[in-house]
Amino acid sequence: MFTFQDDVEKTIEVLRAGGIILYPTDTVWGLGCDATNEKAVENIFRLKKRAENKSLIVLLADQRDLLQYVAALDLQVFDFLDQAKKPTTVIYQGAIGLAENVISPDGSAGIRVVQDPFCRHLLKRFRKPLVSTSANISGEPTPGRFQDISPQVKAGVDYVVQYRQDDHNIASPSAVVKWNEDGSVTIIRE
């Protein structure tokens, strides 16, 4: 029988080889890859048929990981994240340590610290951030469940995670906010 651990091991193998995964996140199912591998990120843009000037989200396992990928991090963000009522992606200025095509031209990147057990375990074992973007072709509706993902997307990845494929709950995307230099927050998506 294929176990949670088997799924994590196979996923890490594919990520280390520069592949694309289809995986459950703390929000919707996502297309993912090593967020430090520029070629893998290019392949995500290609699969999604998405313009490369559109941003991708990066997932991290722990809040302290933000210190490695955001220069001059405003530590007040930790209080904000602790109070967030749903998964929240924060757009930070001064992104560092990520593939160039993950960082926006203005130097920012959208990063979310995940709570989902599979994602957290995967990220801790992989020891690198992951790209996460909804598992759909650009412009098509975001699938809320694994069953709603198009065959084209499923066929375009190197590995489909087994965990939570039979979950029938409809998921929604994360909230998105921009962390401003003065410590204020601009809501992009609730």
Protein backbone atom coordinates (compact mmCIF):
# COMPACT_ATOMS: atom_id res chain seq x y z
CA MET A 1 0.00 0.00 0.00
CA PHE A 2 1.25 3.48 -0.94
CA THR A 3 1.80 5.52 2.25
CA PHE A 4 2.05 9.22 3.15
CA GLN A 5 5.82 8.73 3.50
CA ASP A 6 6.07 7.04 0.07
CA ASP A 7 4.23 10.03 -1.43
CA VAL A 8 6.64 12.48 0.21
CA GLU A 9 9.71 10.50 -0.95
CA LYS A 10 8.51 10.29 -4.57
CA THR A 11 7.60 13.99 -4.57
CA ILE A 12 11.05 14.98 -3.29
CA GLU A 13 12.71 12.80 -5.94
CA VAL A 14 10.77 14.61 -8.69
CA LEU A 15 11.45 18.07 -7.20
CA ARG A 16 15.20 17.38 -6.94
CA ALA A 17 15.20 16.37 -10.62
CA GLY A 18 13.65 19.74 -11.55
CA GLY A 19 10.18 18.31 -12.17
CA ILE A 20 6.69 19.69 -11.68
CA ILE A 21 4.30 18.25 -9.12
CA LEU A 22 0.53 18.41 -8.72
CA TYR A 23 -0.12 18.55 -4.98
CA PRO A 24 -2.61 19.52 -2.28
CA THR A 25 -1.82 22.69 -0.38
CA ASP A 26 -3.48 24.40 2.56
CA THR A 27 -5.79 26.03 -0.01
CA VAL A 28 -6.41 24.64 -3.52
CA TRP A 29 -4.50 21.92 -5.39
CA GLY A 30 -1.36 23.45 -6.83
CA LEU A 31 1.27 23.05 -9.47
CA GLY A 32 4.63 23.18 -7.79
CA CYS A 33 8.36 23.00 -8.27
CA ASP A 34 11.59 24.00 -6.58
CA ALA A 35 11.26 27.79 -6.16
CA THR A 36 15.04 28.16 -6.53
CA ASN A 37 15.18 26.36 -9.92
CA GLU A 38 14.63 28.83 -12.77
CA LYS A 39 14.16 26.13 -15.44
CA ALA A 40 11.52 24.31 -13.34
CA VAL A 41 9.68 27.61 -12.84
CA GLU A 42 9.76 28.21 -16.63
CA ASN A 43 8.11 24.81 -17.09
CA ILE A 44 5.27 25.82 -14.74
CA PHE A 45 4.65 28.99 -16.77
CA ARG A 46 4.65 26.90 -19.95
CA LEU A 47 2.23 24.29 -18.57
CA LYS A 48 -0.17 26.97 -17.30
CA LYS A 49 0.20 28.99 -20.53
CA ARG A 50 0.77 31.92 -18.22
CA ALA A 51 2.62 35.13 -19.00
CA GLU A 52 5.94 35.17 -17.16
CA ASN A 53 5.24 38.66 -15.82
CA LYS A 54 2.42 37.22 -13.65
CA SER A 55 3.61 36.32 -10.18
CA LEU A 56 3.71 32.89 -8.58
CA ILE A 57 3.33 32.15 -4.88
CA VAL A 58 6.11 30.57 -2.83
CA LEU A 59 5.39 28.22 0.07
CA LEU A 60 7.49 27.88 3.22
CA ALA A 61 7.15 25.46 6.15
CA ASP A 62 7.80 27.85 9.04
CA GLN A 63 7.65 31.55 9.78
CA ARG A 64 11.36 31.61 10.61
CA ASP A 65 12.07 30.54 7.01
CA LEU A 66 10.95 34.03 5.95
CA LEU A 67 14.25 35.35 7.33
CA GLN A 68 16.09 33.41 4.62
CA TYR A 69 13.98 34.67 1.69
CA VAL A 70 13.08 38.26 2.62
CA ALA A 71 15.75 40.92 3.12
CA ALA A 72 15.12 43.35 6.01
CA LEU A 73 11.99 41.51 7.15
CA ASP A 74 9.65 43.59 9.31
CA LEU A 75 9.22 41.35 12.36
CA GLN A 76 5.72 42.73 12.95
CA VAL A 77 4.60 40.42 10.14
CA PHE A 78 4.82 37.49 12.58
CA ASP A 79 2.07 39.01 14.75
CA PHE A 80 -0.02 39.60 11.64
CA LEU A 81 0.39 36.00 10.48
CA ASP A 82 -0.47 34.65 13.93
CA GLN A 83 -3.78 36.53 13.80
CA ALA A 84 -4.72 35.59 10.22
CA LYS A 85 -7.98 33.64 10.16
CA LYS A 86 -7.29 31.82 6.87
CA PRO A 87 -4.24 30.90 4.80
CA THR A 88 -2.68 34.22 3.78
CA THR A 89 -0.09 34.97 1.14
CA VAL A 90 1.96 38.07 1.92
CA ILE A 91 3.74 40.04 -0.80
CA TYR A 92 7.10 41.07 0.61
CA GLN A 93 9.57 43.58 -0.81
CA GLY A 94 13.19 42.49 -0.97
CA ALA A 95 12.76 38.85 -1.96
CA ILE A 96 16.08 36.96 -1.98
CA GLY A 97 17.32 33.42 -2.54
CA LEU A 98 14.60 32.50 -5.04
CA ALA A 99 14.77 31.87 -8.79
CA GLU A 100 14.81 35.16 -10.69
CA ASN A 101 11.55 34.32 -12.48
CA VAL A 102 9.75 33.93 -9.14
CA ILE A 103 10.72 37.44 -8.02
CA SER A 104 8.64 40.27 -9.52
CA PRO A 105 10.42 43.06 -11.41
CA ASP A 106 9.92 45.33 -8.37
CA GLY A 107 11.85 42.84 -6.20
CA SER A 108 8.82 41.45 -4.39
CA ALA A 109 7.49 37.92 -3.98
CA GLY A 110 4.27 36.44 -2.61
CA ILE A 111 5.05 33.97 0.17
CA ARG A 112 2.77 31.83 2.32
CA VAL A 113 3.70 29.83 5.40
CA VAL A 114 1.62 26.64 5.17
CA GLN A 115 -0.27 24.73 7.84
CA ASP A 116 -1.25 21.68 5.74
CA PRO A 117 0.47 18.54 7.14
CA PHE A 118 1.56 17.20 3.75
CA CYS A 119 3.00 20.53 2.58
CA ARG A 120 4.79 21.22 5.86
CA HIS A 121 6.33 17.75 5.94
CA LEU A 122 7.33 17.99 2.27
CA LEU A 123 8.88 21.44 2.70
CA LYS A 124 10.79 20.43 5.82
CA ARG A 125 12.17 17.34 4.12
CA PHE A 126 12.94 19.13 0.82
CA ARG A 127 14.61 22.05 2.65
CA LYS A 128 13.77 24.51 -0.11
CA PRO A 129 10.75 26.68 -0.87
CA LEU A 130 8.15 25.47 -3.35
CA VAL A 131 6.31 27.35 -6.06
CA SER A 132 2.56 27.04 -5.73
CA THR A 133 0.09 28.16 -8.36
CA SER A 134 -3.43 26.93 -8.93
CA ALA A 135 -3.67 23.70 -10.93
CA ASN A 136 -5.33 25.14 -14.01
CA ILE A 137 -4.52 26.64 -17.39
CA SER A 138 -4.29 30.43 -17.07
CA GLY A 139 -7.70 32.05 -17.43
CA GLU A 140 -9.65 28.89 -16.59
CA PRO A 141 -11.49 28.54 -13.25
CA THR A 142 -9.44 27.51 -10.24
CA PRO A 143 -10.32 23.90 -9.40
CA GLY A 144 -11.60 23.51 -5.84
CA ARG A 145 -11.02 19.74 -5.69
CA PHE A 146 -8.70 17.21 -7.29
CA GLN A 147 -11.57 15.87 -9.41
CA ASP A 148 -11.99 19.33 -11.00
CA ILE A 149 -8.43 19.49 -12.37
CA SER A 150 -8.29 19.14 -16.15
CA PRO A 151 -6.75 16.03 -17.72
CA GLN A 152 -4.38 18.35 -19.63
CA VAL A 153 -2.92 19.68 -16.38
CA LYS A 154 -2.70 16.21 -14.81
CA ALA A 155 -0.88 14.90 -17.89
CA GLY A 156 1.53 17.87 -17.94
CA VAL A 157 3.18 17.21 -14.57
CA ASP A 158 5.94 14.80 -13.58
CA TYR A 159 4.20 13.53 -10.46
CA VAL A 160 0.67 13.64 -9.02
CA VAL A 161 0.60 13.40 -5.23
CA GLN A 162 -1.75 10.67 -3.99
CA TYR A 163 -2.51 12.29 -0.62
CA ARG A 164 -5.99 13.91 -0.39
CA GLN A 165 -7.10 13.05 -3.93
CA ASP A 166 -10.35 11.71 -2.48
CA ASP A 167 -11.09 14.86 -0.44
CA HIS A 168 -14.40 16.23 -1.73
CA ASN A 169 -14.34 19.50 0.21
CA ILE A 170 -14.22 22.52 -2.08
CA ALA A 171 -11.13 24.58 -1.31
CA SER A 172 -10.59 28.28 -1.92
CA PRO A 173 -7.49 30.30 -2.72
CA SER A 174 -5.56 32.11 -0.01
CA ALA A 175 -6.06 35.69 1.02
CA VAL A 176 -3.36 37.91 -0.51
CA VAL A 177 -2.00 41.05 1.14
CA LYS A 178 0.91 43.35 0.45
CA TRP A 179 3.17 44.20 3.40
CA ASN A 180 4.05 47.89 3.06
CA GLU A 181 7.30 49.46 4.21
CA ASP A 182 5.49 51.38 6.97
CA GLY A 183 4.10 48.12 8.43
CA SER A 184 0.62 48.65 7.03
CA VAL A 185 -1.18 46.04 4.94
CA THR A 186 -2.90 46.44 1.58
CA ILE A 187 -5.54 43.78 0.91
CA ILE A 188 -5.24 42.34 -2.62
CA ARG A 189 -7.63 39.37 -2.24
CA GLU A 190 -9.77 38.48 0.78
